[in-house]
Amino acid sequence: MKNGTAEFIEINPKVMMGKPVVRGTRITVELILEKLSNGESFEEILAEHPRLKREHILAALAFAASSLRGEMIVQTPAAA
């Protein structure tokens, strides 16, 4: 994985039911993405989670992008 994701993100079935987390924490990539999508800034997230660093947030974003690469979700109207 690129952009530090291998260094900062891990998947361990014994931690948070195998969800991707910031290495050495129980902070999930999902939580970071939810906070960003709700409009929280990097600074707000870092203040709420002192163990996190900017590099961890960037790695979470890179992990999500990597997970979705090559896939496109397109909503289509329901057939009438």
Foldseek 3Di string as FASTA:
>chain_A
DPLCLVVFWDFDCVAPNRAIAGPPDNHHLVNLVVCVVVPDDPVRVCVVPVVDDPSNSRSSVVVVCVVCPPHDDDDDDDDD
